[in-house]
Amino acid sequence: MDGVTDVIFRRVIAKAARPDVFFSEFTNAAAFFSDFGRQSTESRLAFLPDEQPLVAQIWGTNPDHFAFMAQALAKKGFAGIDINMGCPVKDVVKTGGGSALIEQPELVAKLISAAKQGGLPVSVKTRIGFKTKKTDEWISFLLRQDLAALTVHGRTQKQMSKVPADWDEVAKAVKLRNNIAPQTLIIGNGDVTTRADGLELAKKTGVDGIMIGRGVFANPFCFEIEQKMHSSQELQDLLNYHLNLIENSEHIMPFAPLKRFFKIYIRDFDGANELRTKLMETKSITEVREILTKN
């Protein structure tokens, strides 16, 4: 997730409960293609050896950029490349990237082919349509591209996250896979907040795996094999661990993006709203620690 699944937060999640596979923040291939832009993407693509398997998620619209980036990602040691064709955000869609690619199959085929030039397994994350559902047509097309895996999010671009994910459409993707490309793994995505819920959905739909994205905001322990109750102190301990990692990082991490994480750690206890409000007014990690110490 953009601005969320960086090397710092992945280490936090690994401490809470490690997933089977990590995905990077989605990174713009056009930015990576330029010398200046490549420097700005370094923190997005930073990772530690013990994070493997780690898949780099990329987005863009230029096959030459994809080919260049794919070769570089292979040299960096990523385990695979995932192409984002599901982001519904307007700033991405208006460039023709993300979920806008659902309407551009000819370009999509070129992008996938270019991404394979790095020699890494290539997967795609997508939605079931742009303005309307077109699961049969769109998923069938992608399955014919010989992908290692295909992650299907059960909403259209237009639906954003405003309606429940349609797992019947995800199950339809599994049936299409069985007929068209048995070698391609199908990963389901949408509204999953625990590993147990994901496994139950896997049984119902036949998917090979489950991706949890925004679910970490509701539950940073979502990948636990056996779900447990966690205290507010355990959550605040994770926040302190997060702060420690930022302070000790070799990469300069801006302070402002940290604020989006406060709602993950400060929740479900009397006074949580008031404490979050105070934290949102801070301007440094020192101020955050001072407020946490007083509470």
C-alpha atoms as a PDB file:
ATOM      1  CA  MET A   1       0.000   0.000   0.000  1.00  0.00           C
ATOM      2  CA  ASP A   2       1.270   3.429  -0.947  1.00  0.00           C
ATOM      3  CA  GLY A   3       2.897   5.208   1.960  1.00  0.00           C
ATOM      4  CA  VAL A   4       2.253   2.276   4.301  1.00  0.00           C
ATOM      5  CA  THR A   5       4.105  -0.947   3.509  1.00  0.00           C
ATOM      6  CA  ASP A   6       7.616   0.476   3.626  1.00  0.00           C
ATOM      7  CA  VAL A   7      10.573  -1.376   5.140  1.00  0.00           C
ATOM      8  CA  ILE A   8       9.820   0.124   8.565  1.00  0.00           C
ATOM      9  CA  PHE A   9       6.183  -0.941   8.770  1.00  0.00           C
ATOM     10  CA  ARG A  10       6.908  -4.361   7.302  1.00  0.00           C
ATOM     11  CA  ARG A  11       9.297  -4.931  10.222  1.00  0.00           C
ATOM     12  CA  VAL A  12       6.548  -3.878  12.632  1.00  0.00           C
ATOM     13  CA  ILE A  13       4.131  -6.356  11.064  1.00  0.00           C
ATOM     14  CA  ALA A  14       6.783  -9.073  11.110  1.00  0.00           C
ATOM     15  CA  LYS A  15       7.186  -8.500  14.841  1.00  0.00           C
ATOM     16  CA  ALA A  16       3.418  -8.625  15.411  1.00  0.00           C
ATOM     17  CA  ALA A  17       2.729 -11.628  13.151  1.00  0.00           C
ATOM     18  CA  ARG A  18       4.634 -12.348   9.959  1.00  0.00           C
ATOM     19  CA  PRO A  19       2.810 -12.979   6.654  1.00  0.00           C
ATOM     20  CA  ASP A  20       3.990 -15.660   4.223  1.00  0.00           C
ATOM     21  CA  VAL A  21       4.897 -13.111   1.524  1.00  0.00           C
ATOM     22  CA  PHE A  22       5.608  -9.385   1.742  1.00  0.00           C
ATOM     23  CA  PHE A  23       4.798  -6.811  -0.967  1.00  0.00           C
ATOM     24  CA  SER A  24       6.526  -3.455  -1.252  1.00  0.00           C
ATOM     25  CA  GLU A  25       4.822  -0.101  -1.579  1.00  0.00           C
ATOM     26  CA  PHE A  26       3.751   0.372  -5.177  1.00  0.00           C
ATOM     27  CA  THR A  27       6.470   2.273  -6.992  1.00  0.00           C
ATOM     28  CA  ASN A  28       6.176   4.375 -10.137  1.00  0.00           C
ATOM     29  CA  ALA A  29       8.200   2.896 -12.997  1.00  0.00           C
ATOM     30  CA  ALA A  30       8.427   6.293 -14.701  1.00  0.00           C
ATOM     31  CA  ALA A  31      10.069   7.776 -11.615  1.00  0.00           C
ATOM     32  CA  PHE A  32      12.481   4.848 -11.348  1.00  0.00           C
ATOM     33  CA  PHE A  33      13.451   5.280 -15.023  1.00  0.00           C
ATOM     34  CA  SER A  34      15.036   8.698 -14.396  1.00  0.00           C
ATOM     35  CA  ASP A  35      18.234   9.244 -12.405  1.00  0.00           C
ATOM     36  CA  PHE A  36      16.621  11.809 -10.117  1.00  0.00           C
ATOM     37  CA  GLY A  37      13.420   9.817  -9.670  1.00  0.00           C
ATOM     38  CA  ARG A  38      15.367   6.637  -8.923  1.00  0.00           C
ATOM     39  CA  GLN A  39      16.889   8.316  -5.892  1.00  0.00           C
ATOM     40  CA  SER A  40      13.435   9.304  -4.640  1.00  0.00           C
ATOM     41  CA  THR A  41      12.227   5.706  -4.883  1.00  0.00           C
ATOM     42  CA  GLU A  42      15.109   4.181  -2.907  1.00  0.00           C
ATOM     43  CA  SER A  43      13.260   4.203   0.398  1.00  0.00           C
ATOM     44  CA  ARG A  44      10.224   2.573  -1.243  1.00  0.00           C
ATOM     45  CA  LEU A  45      12.340  -0.294  -2.515  1.00  0.00           C
ATOM     46  CA  ALA A  46      14.572  -0.700   0.541  1.00  0.00           C
ATOM     47  CA  PHE A  47      14.364  -4.075   2.263  1.00  0.00           C
ATOM     48  CA  LEU A  48      16.243  -6.339   4.630  1.00  0.00           C
ATOM     49  CA  PRO A  49      17.482  -9.864   3.803  1.00  0.00           C
ATOM     50  CA  ASP A  50      15.140 -11.480   6.330  1.00  0.00           C
ATOM     51  CA  GLU A  51      12.051 -10.069   4.575  1.00  0.00           C
ATOM     52  CA  GLN A  52      12.149 -12.624   1.780  1.00  0.00           C
ATOM     53  CA  PRO A  53      10.095 -13.561  -0.074  1.00  0.00           C
ATOM     54  CA  LEU A  54       9.455  -9.915  -0.959  1.00  0.00           C
ATOM     55  CA  VAL A  55       7.646  -8.924  -4.141  1.00  0.00           C
ATOM     56  CA  ALA A  56       8.102  -5.450  -5.632  1.00  0.00           C
ATOM     57  CA  GLN A  57       4.827  -3.884  -6.702  1.00  0.00           C
ATOM     58  CA  ILE A  58       5.168  -1.397  -9.565  1.00  0.00           C
ATOM     59  CA  TRP A  59       2.821   0.783 -11.591  1.00  0.00           C
ATOM     60  CA  GLY A  60       2.946   2.858 -14.747  1.00  0.00           C
ATOM     61  CA  THR A  61       2.057   2.853 -18.431  1.00  0.00           C
ATOM     62  CA  ASN A  62       5.348   2.665 -20.344  1.00  0.00           C
ATOM     63  CA  PRO A  63       6.703  -0.772 -21.367  1.00  0.00           C
ATOM     64  CA  ASP A  64      10.264   0.571 -21.715  1.00  0.00           C
ATOM     65  CA  HIS A  65      10.129   1.813 -18.132  1.00  0.00           C
ATOM     66  CA  PHE A  66       8.845  -1.584 -16.993  1.00  0.00           C
ATOM     67  CA  ALA A  67      11.620  -3.467 -18.784  1.00  0.00           C
ATOM     68  CA  PHE A  68      14.289  -1.204 -17.311  1.00  0.00           C
ATOM     69  CA  MET A  69      12.869  -1.446 -13.797  1.00  0.00           C
ATOM     70  CA  ALA A  70      12.324  -5.205 -13.990  1.00  0.00           C
ATOM     71  CA  GLN A  71      15.979  -5.822 -14.714  1.00  0.00           C
ATOM     72  CA  ALA A  72      17.025  -3.541 -11.862  1.00  0.00           C
ATOM     73  CA  LEU A  73      14.625  -5.220  -9.414  1.00  0.00           C
ATOM     74  CA  ALA A  74      16.083  -8.611 -10.268  1.00  0.00           C
ATOM     75  CA  LYS A  75      19.576  -7.313  -9.470  1.00  0.00           C
ATOM     76  CA  LYS A  76      18.307  -5.890  -6.182  1.00  0.00           C
ATOM     77  CA  GLY A  77      17.199  -9.371  -5.152  1.00  0.00           C
ATOM     78  CA  PHE A  78      13.418  -9.151  -5.145  1.00  0.00           C
ATOM     79  CA  ALA A  79      11.556 -12.461  -5.344  1.00  0.00           C
ATOM     80  CA  GLY A  80       9.042 -11.249  -7.912  1.00  0.00           C
ATOM     81  CA  ILE A  81       7.311  -8.319  -9.588  1.00  0.00           C
ATOM     82  CA  ASP A  82       3.653  -7.441  -9.099  1.00  0.00           C
ATOM     83  CA  ILE A  83       1.999  -4.979 -11.476  1.00  0.00           C
ATOM     84  CA  ASN A  84      -0.648  -2.792  -9.886  1.00  0.00           C
ATOM     85  CA  MET A  85      -3.751  -2.690 -12.080  1.00  0.00           C
ATOM     86  CA  GLY A  86      -6.153  -2.083  -9.235  1.00  0.00           C
ATOM     87  CA  CYS A  87      -5.391   1.290  -7.633  1.00  0.00           C
ATOM     88  CA  PRO A  88      -8.614   3.343  -7.859  1.00  0.00           C
ATOM     89  CA  VAL A  89      -7.145   6.697  -6.762  1.00  0.00           C
ATOM     90  CA  LYS A  90      -7.914   9.494  -9.233  1.00  0.00           C
ATOM     91  CA  ASP A  91      -4.349  10.826  -9.408  1.00  0.00           C
ATOM     92  CA  VAL A  92      -3.168   7.402 -10.583  1.00  0.00           C
ATOM     93  CA  VAL A  93      -6.152   6.674 -12.818  1.00  0.00           C
ATOM     94  CA  LYS A  94      -5.885   9.970 -14.703  1.00  0.00           C
ATOM     95  CA  THR A  95      -2.368   8.977 -15.813  1.00  0.00           C
ATOM     96  CA  GLY A  96      -3.764   5.783 -17.329  1.00  0.00           C
ATOM     97  CA  GLY A  97      -2.207   3.633 -14.621  1.00  0.00           C
ATOM     98  CA  GLY A  98      -3.623   1.517 -11.820  1.00  0.00           C
ATOM     99  CA  SER A  99      -7.194   0.390 -12.437  1.00  0.00           C
ATOM    100  CA  ALA A 100      -7.380   2.507 -15.617  1.00  0.00           C
ATOM    101  CA  LEU A 101      -5.361  -0.257 -17.282  1.00  0.00           C
ATOM    102  CA  ILE A 102      -8.466  -2.460 -17.131  1.00  0.00           C
ATOM    103  CA  GLU A 103      -9.681  -0.476 -20.138  1.00  0.00           C
ATOM    104  CA  GLN A 104      -6.378  -0.872 -22.053  1.00  0.00           C
ATOM    105  CA  PRO A 105      -5.735  -4.574 -22.683  1.00  0.00           C
ATOM    106  CA  GLU A 106      -3.307  -4.052 -25.561  1.00  0.00           C
ATOM    107  CA  LEU A 107      -1.063  -1.884 -23.374  1.00  0.00           C
ATOM    108  CA  VAL A 108      -1.431  -4.353 -20.501  1.00  0.00           C
ATOM    109  CA  ALA A 109      -0.063  -7.203 -22.616  1.00  0.00           C
ATOM    110  CA  LYS A 110       2.981  -5.073 -23.481  1.00  0.00           C
ATOM    111  CA  LEU A 111       3.562  -4.102 -19.855  1.00  0.00           C
ATOM    112  CA  ILE A 112       3.440  -7.706 -18.667  1.00  0.00           C
ATOM    113  CA  SER A 113       5.792  -8.809 -21.422  1.00  0.00           C
ATOM    114  CA  ALA A 114       8.202  -5.990 -20.525  1.00  0.00           C
ATOM    115  CA  ALA A 115       8.113  -6.854 -16.812  1.00  0.00           C
ATOM    116  CA  LYS A 116       9.117 -10.432 -17.625  1.00  0.00           C
ATOM    117  CA  GLN A 117      12.403  -9.199 -19.109  1.00  0.00           C
ATOM    118  CA  GLY A 118      13.861  -9.085 -15.619  1.00  0.00           C
ATOM    119  CA  GLY A 119      13.566 -12.851 -15.350  1.00  0.00           C
ATOM    120  CA  LEU A 120      11.499 -12.705 -12.157  1.00  0.00           C
ATOM    121  CA  PRO A 121       8.022 -14.227 -11.696  1.00  0.00           C
ATOM    122  CA  VAL A 122       5.431 -11.620 -12.708  1.00  0.00           C
ATOM    123  CA  SER A 123       2.008 -11.240 -11.113  1.00  0.00           C
ATOM    124  CA  VAL A 124      -0.833  -8.740 -11.390  1.00  0.00           C
ATOM    125  CA  LYS A 125      -3.126  -7.199  -8.790  1.00  0.00           C
ATOM    126  CA  THR A 126      -6.397  -5.978 -10.245  1.00  0.00           C
ATOM    127  CA  ARG A 127     -10.093  -5.288  -9.723  1.00  0.00           C
ATOM    128  CA  ILE A 128     -13.101  -6.949 -11.348  1.00  0.00           C
ATOM    129  CA  GLY A 129     -13.810  -3.997 -13.609  1.00  0.00           C
ATOM    130  CA  PHE A 130     -13.463  -0.269 -14.082  1.00  0.00           C
ATOM    131  CA  LYS A 131     -16.898   1.370 -14.010  1.00  0.00           C
ATOM    132  CA  THR A 132     -18.805  -1.923 -14.174  1.00  0.00           C
ATOM    133  CA  LYS A 133     -18.013  -5.556 -13.420  1.00  0.00           C
ATOM    134  CA  LYS A 134     -16.326  -7.377 -16.299  1.00  0.00           C
ATOM    135  CA  THR A 135     -14.806 -10.314 -14.470  1.00  0.00           C
ATOM    136  CA  ASP A 136     -15.204 -12.886 -17.255  1.00  0.00           C
ATOM    137  CA  GLU A 137     -13.699 -10.728 -19.987  1.00  0.00           C
ATOM    138  CA  TRP A 138     -10.941  -9.029 -18.001  1.00  0.00           C
ATOM    139  CA  ILE A 139      -9.749 -11.908 -15.832  1.00  0.00           C
ATOM    140  CA  SER A 140      -9.797 -14.265 -18.821  1.00  0.00           C
ATOM    141  CA  PHE A 141      -7.579 -11.853 -20.716  1.00  0.00           C
ATOM    142  CA  LEU A 142      -5.087 -11.639 -17.858  1.00  0.00           C
ATOM    143  CA  LEU A 143      -4.992 -15.400 -17.430  1.00  0.00           C
ATOM    144  CA  ARG A 144      -3.890 -15.726 -21.046  1.00  0.00           C
ATOM    145  CA  GLN A 145      -0.769 -13.657 -20.251  1.00  0.00           C
ATOM    146  CA  ASP A 146       0.965 -16.559 -18.452  1.00  0.00           C
ATOM    147  CA  LEU A 147       1.220 -14.929 -15.028  1.00  0.00           C
ATOM    148  CA  ALA A 148       2.763 -16.522 -11.960  1.00  0.00           C
ATOM    149  CA  ALA A 149      -0.119 -15.214  -9.869  1.00  0.00           C
ATOM    150  CA  LEU A 150      -3.181 -13.000 -10.163  1.00  0.00           C
ATOM    151  CA  THR A 151      -4.597 -11.119  -7.186  1.00  0.00           C
ATOM    152  CA  VAL A 152      -8.282 -10.294  -7.612  1.00  0.00           C
ATOM    153  CA  HIS A 153      -9.848  -7.534  -5.536  1.00  0.00           C
ATOM    154  CA  GLY A 154     -13.605  -7.975  -5.464  1.00  0.00           C
ATOM    155  CA  ARG A 155     -14.629  -4.434  -6.398  1.00  0.00           C
ATOM    156  CA  THR A 156     -14.609  -2.184  -9.459  1.00  0.00           C
ATOM    157  CA  GLN A 157     -12.657   1.066  -9.634  1.00  0.00           C
ATOM    158  CA  LYS A 158     -15.890   3.031  -9.350  1.00  0.00           C
ATOM    159  CA  GLN A 159     -16.820   1.228  -6.147  1.00  0.00           C
ATOM    160  CA  MET A 160     -13.536   2.234  -4.491  1.00  0.00           C
ATOM    161  CA  SER A 161     -13.975   0.765  -0.975  1.00  0.00           C
ATOM    162  CA  LYS A 162     -17.542   1.982  -0.528  1.00  0.00           C
ATOM    163  CA  VAL A 163     -19.233  -1.411  -0.860  1.00  0.00           C
ATOM    164  CA  PRO A 164     -18.343  -4.884   0.446  1.00  0.00           C
ATOM    165  CA  ALA A 165     -15.912  -6.870  -1.698  1.00  0.00           C
ATOM    166  CA  ASP A 166     -17.695  -9.363  -3.954  1.00  0.00           C
ATOM    167  CA  TRP A 167     -16.087 -12.720  -3.228  1.00  0.00           C
ATOM    168  CA  ASP A 168     -18.469 -14.480  -5.625  1.00  0.00           C
ATOM    169  CA  GLU A 169     -16.583 -12.689  -8.398  1.00  0.00           C
ATOM    170  CA  VAL A 170     -13.285 -13.825  -6.890  1.00  0.00           C
ATOM    171  CA  ALA A 171     -14.608 -17.399  -6.951  1.00  0.00           C
ATOM    172  CA  LYS A 172     -15.517 -16.867 -10.609  1.00  0.00           C
ATOM    173  CA  ALA A 173     -11.877 -15.943 -11.277  1.00  0.00           C
ATOM    174  CA  VAL A 174     -10.823 -19.280  -9.792  1.00  0.00           C
ATOM    175  CA  LYS A 175     -13.122 -21.172 -12.181  1.00  0.00           C
ATOM    176  CA  LEU A 176     -11.770 -19.192 -15.111  1.00  0.00           C
ATOM    177  CA  ARG A 177      -8.230 -20.002 -14.019  1.00  0.00           C
ATOM    178  CA  ASN A 178      -8.999 -23.715 -13.850  1.00  0.00           C
ATOM    179  CA  ASN A 179     -10.045 -23.651 -17.505  1.00  0.00           C
ATOM    180  CA  ILE A 180      -7.572 -21.169 -18.963  1.00  0.00           C
ATOM    181  CA  ALA A 181      -4.331 -21.192 -16.958  1.00  0.00           C
ATOM    182  CA  PRO A 182      -4.102 -23.882 -14.267  1.00  0.00           C
ATOM    183  CA  GLN A 183      -0.512 -22.858 -13.522  1.00  0.00           C
ATOM    184  CA  THR A 184      -1.504 -19.357 -12.361  1.00  0.00           C
ATOM    185  CA  LEU A 185      -2.157 -18.857  -8.649  1.00  0.00           C
ATOM    186  CA  ILE A 186      -5.273 -16.892  -7.728  1.00  0.00           C
ATOM    187  CA  ILE A 187      -5.050 -14.678  -4.664  1.00  0.00           C
ATOM    188  CA  GLY A 188      -8.199 -13.156  -3.183  1.00  0.00           C
ATOM    189  CA  ASN A 189      -8.307  -9.651  -1.726  1.00  0.00           C
ATOM    190  CA  GLY A 190     -10.863  -7.401  -0.080  1.00  0.00           C
ATOM    191  CA  ASP A 191     -12.201  -6.834   3.460  1.00  0.00           C
ATOM    192  CA  VAL A 192     -10.036  -9.484   5.125  1.00  0.00           C
ATOM    193  CA  THR A 193      -8.833  -8.537   8.626  1.00  0.00           C
ATOM    194  CA  THR A 194      -7.570 -11.864  10.019  1.00  0.00           C
ATOM    195  CA  ARG A 195      -5.753 -14.903   8.715  1.00  0.00           C
ATOM    196  CA  ALA A 196      -8.615 -17.090   9.992  1.00  0.00           C
ATOM    197  CA  ASP A 197     -11.181 -15.137   7.967  1.00  0.00           C
ATOM    198  CA  GLY A 198      -8.922 -15.370   4.942  1.00  0.00           C
ATOM    199  CA  LEU A 199      -8.559 -19.137   5.263  1.00  0.00           C
ATOM    200  CA  GLU A 200     -12.320 -19.490   5.526  1.00  0.00           C
ATOM    201  CA  LEU A 201     -12.776 -17.473   2.350  1.00  0.00           C
ATOM    202  CA  ALA A 202     -10.108 -19.589   0.662  1.00  0.00           C
ATOM    203  CA  LYS A 203     -12.111 -22.723   1.464  1.00  0.00           C
ATOM    204  CA  LYS A 204     -15.290 -21.197   0.040  1.00  0.00           C
ATOM    205  CA  THR A 205     -13.785 -19.769  -3.132  1.00  0.00           C
ATOM    206  CA  GLY A 206     -10.878 -22.082  -3.939  1.00  0.00           C
ATOM    207  CA  VAL A 207      -8.272 -19.314  -4.093  1.00  0.00           C
ATOM    208  CA  ASP A 208      -4.655 -20.298  -3.540  1.00  0.00           C
ATOM    209  CA  GLY A 209      -3.914 -17.438  -1.168  1.00  0.00           C
ATOM    210  CA  ILE A 210      -5.233 -14.345   0.544  1.00  0.00           C
ATOM    211  CA  MET A 211      -3.823 -10.819   0.423  1.00  0.00           C
ATOM    212  CA  ILE A 212      -4.474  -8.539   3.377  1.00  0.00           C
ATOM    213  CA  GLY A 213      -3.968  -4.831   2.717  1.00  0.00           C
ATOM    214  CA  ARG A 214      -6.072  -2.253   4.550  1.00  0.00           C
ATOM    215  CA  GLY A 215      -6.913  -4.925   7.117  1.00  0.00           C
ATOM    216  CA  VAL A 216      -3.664  -4.105   8.930  1.00  0.00           C
ATOM    217  CA  PHE A 217      -5.160  -0.750   9.902  1.00  0.00           C
ATOM    218  CA  ALA A 218      -7.854  -2.589  11.845  1.00  0.00           C
ATOM    219  CA  ASN A 219      -5.548  -5.268  13.178  1.00  0.00           C
ATOM    220  CA  PRO A 220      -1.726  -5.225  12.931  1.00  0.00           C
ATOM    221  CA  PHE A 221      -1.775  -8.786  14.314  1.00  0.00           C
ATOM    222  CA  CYS A 222      -3.933  -9.915  11.378  1.00  0.00           C
ATOM    223  CA  PHE A 223      -1.457 -12.546  10.173  1.00  0.00           C
ATOM    224  CA  GLU A 224      -1.504 -14.518  13.421  1.00  0.00           C
ATOM    225  CA  ILE A 225      -2.119 -18.226  12.874  1.00  0.00           C
ATOM    226  CA  GLU A 226      -4.240 -18.285  16.018  1.00  0.00           C
ATOM    227  CA  GLN A 227      -5.981 -14.979  16.602  1.00  0.00           C
ATOM    228  CA  LYS A 228      -5.554 -13.599  20.114  1.00  0.00           C
ATOM    229  CA  MET A 229      -6.822 -10.627  22.042  1.00  0.00           C
ATOM    230  CA  HIS A 230      -4.226  -7.882  22.319  1.00  0.00           C
ATOM    231  CA  SER A 231      -4.143  -5.146  24.910  1.00  0.00           C
ATOM    232  CA  SER A 232      -3.828  -1.423  24.271  1.00  0.00           C
ATOM    233  CA  GLN A 233      -0.378  -1.647  25.864  1.00  0.00           C
ATOM    234  CA  GLU A 234       0.741  -4.209  23.277  1.00  0.00           C
ATOM    235  CA  LEU A 235      -0.404  -1.861  20.521  1.00  0.00           C
ATOM    236  CA  GLN A 236       1.453   1.056  22.079  1.00  0.00           C
ATOM    237  CA  ASP A 237       4.530  -1.147  22.387  1.00  0.00           C
ATOM    238  CA  LEU A 238       4.325  -1.694  18.639  1.00  0.00           C
ATOM    239  CA  LEU A 239       4.123   2.069  18.140  1.00  0.00           C
ATOM    240  CA  ASN A 240       7.265   2.545  20.227  1.00  0.00           C
ATOM    241  CA  TYR A 241       8.976  -0.172  18.187  1.00  0.00           C
ATOM    242  CA  HIS A 242       7.904   1.678  15.029  1.00  0.00           C
ATOM    243  CA  LEU A 243       9.402   4.906  16.384  1.00  0.00           C
ATOM    244  CA  ASN A 244      12.653   3.154  17.286  1.00  0.00           C
ATOM    245  CA  LEU A 245      12.978   1.759  13.780  1.00  0.00           C
ATOM    246  CA  ILE A 246      12.494   5.181  12.214  1.00  0.00           C
ATOM    247  CA  GLU A 247      15.094   6.753  14.498  1.00  0.00           C
ATOM    248  CA  ASN A 248      17.619   4.043  13.671  1.00  0.00           C
ATOM    249  CA  SER A 249      16.892   3.844   9.944  1.00  0.00           C
ATOM    250  CA  GLU A 250      19.645   4.598   7.443  1.00  0.00           C
ATOM    251  CA  HIS A 251      17.011   6.261   5.286  1.00  0.00           C
ATOM    252  CA  ILE A 252      15.687   9.719   6.141  1.00  0.00           C
ATOM    253  CA  MET A 253      12.018   9.185   6.917  1.00  0.00           C
ATOM    254  CA  PRO A 254       9.771  12.278   6.911  1.00  0.00           C
ATOM    255  CA  PHE A 255       7.738  12.707  10.100  1.00  0.00           C
ATOM    256  CA  ALA A 256       4.322  13.650   8.658  1.00  0.00           C
ATOM    257  CA  PRO A 257       3.520  10.225   7.078  1.00  0.00           C
ATOM    258  CA  LEU A 258       3.931   8.622  10.497  1.00  0.00           C
ATOM    259  CA  LYS A 259       0.636  10.192  11.579  1.00  0.00           C
ATOM    260  CA  ARG A 260      -1.385   7.841   9.375  1.00  0.00           C
ATOM    261  CA  PHE A 261      -0.274   4.992  11.635  1.00  0.00           C
ATOM    262  CA  PHE A 262      -1.560   6.433  14.926  1.00  0.00           C
ATOM    263  CA  LYS A 263      -5.035   5.001  14.339  1.00  0.00           C
ATOM    264  CA  ILE A 264      -3.505   1.522  14.134  1.00  0.00           C
ATOM    265  CA  TYR A 265      -1.866   1.671  17.533  1.00  0.00           C
ATOM    266  CA  ILE A 266      -4.029   4.043  19.581  1.00  0.00           C
ATOM    267  CA  ARG A 267      -7.501   2.503  19.724  1.00  0.00           C
ATOM    268  CA  ASP A 268     -10.117   0.595  21.685  1.00  0.00           C
ATOM    269  CA  PHE A 269      -9.613   2.118  25.129  1.00  0.00           C
ATOM    270  CA  ASP A 270     -11.053   5.025  27.092  1.00  0.00           C
ATOM    271  CA  GLY A 271      -9.376   8.235  26.005  1.00  0.00           C
ATOM    272  CA  ALA A 272      -7.992   6.805  22.739  1.00  0.00           C
ATOM    273  CA  ASN A 273      -9.649   9.484  20.586  1.00  0.00           C
ATOM    274  CA  GLU A 274      -8.277  12.286  22.731  1.00  0.00           C
ATOM    275  CA  LEU A 275      -4.798  10.751  22.714  1.00  0.00           C
ATOM    276  CA  ARG A 276      -4.833  10.379  18.930  1.00  0.00           C
ATOM    277  CA  THR A 277      -5.864  14.019  18.585  1.00  0.00           C
ATOM    278  CA  LYS A 278      -2.874  15.096  20.647  1.00  0.00           C
ATOM    279  CA  LEU A 279      -0.529  12.892  18.624  1.00  0.00           C
ATOM    280  CA  MET A 280      -1.834  14.321  15.359  1.00  0.00           C
ATOM    281  CA  GLU A 281      -0.701  17.773  16.529  1.00  0.00           C
ATOM    282  CA  THR A 282       2.894  16.681  17.097  1.00  0.00           C
ATOM    283  CA  LYS A 283       5.798  17.639  14.851  1.00  0.00           C
ATOM    284  CA  SER A 284       8.500  15.218  15.943  1.00  0.00           C
ATOM    285  CA  ILE A 285       9.084  11.771  17.396  1.00  0.00           C
ATOM    286  CA  THR A 286      10.319  13.459  20.580  1.00  0.00           C
ATOM    287  CA  GLU A 287       6.935  15.122  21.019  1.00  0.00           C
ATOM    288  CA  VAL A 288       5.177  11.804  20.365  1.00  0.00           C
ATOM    289  CA  ARG A 289       7.210  10.084  23.043  1.00  0.00           C
ATOM    290  CA  GLU A 290       6.552  12.874  25.541  1.00  0.00           C
ATOM    291  CA  ILE A 291       2.783  12.549  25.057  1.00  0.00           C
ATOM    292  CA  LEU A 292       2.870   8.742  25.284  1.00  0.00           C
ATOM    293  CA  THR A 293       4.900   8.936  28.487  1.00  0.00           C
ATOM    294  CA  LYS A 294       2.302  11.201  30.102  1.00  0.00           C
ATOM    295  CA  ASN A 295      -0.581   8.858  29.245  1.00  0.00           C
END
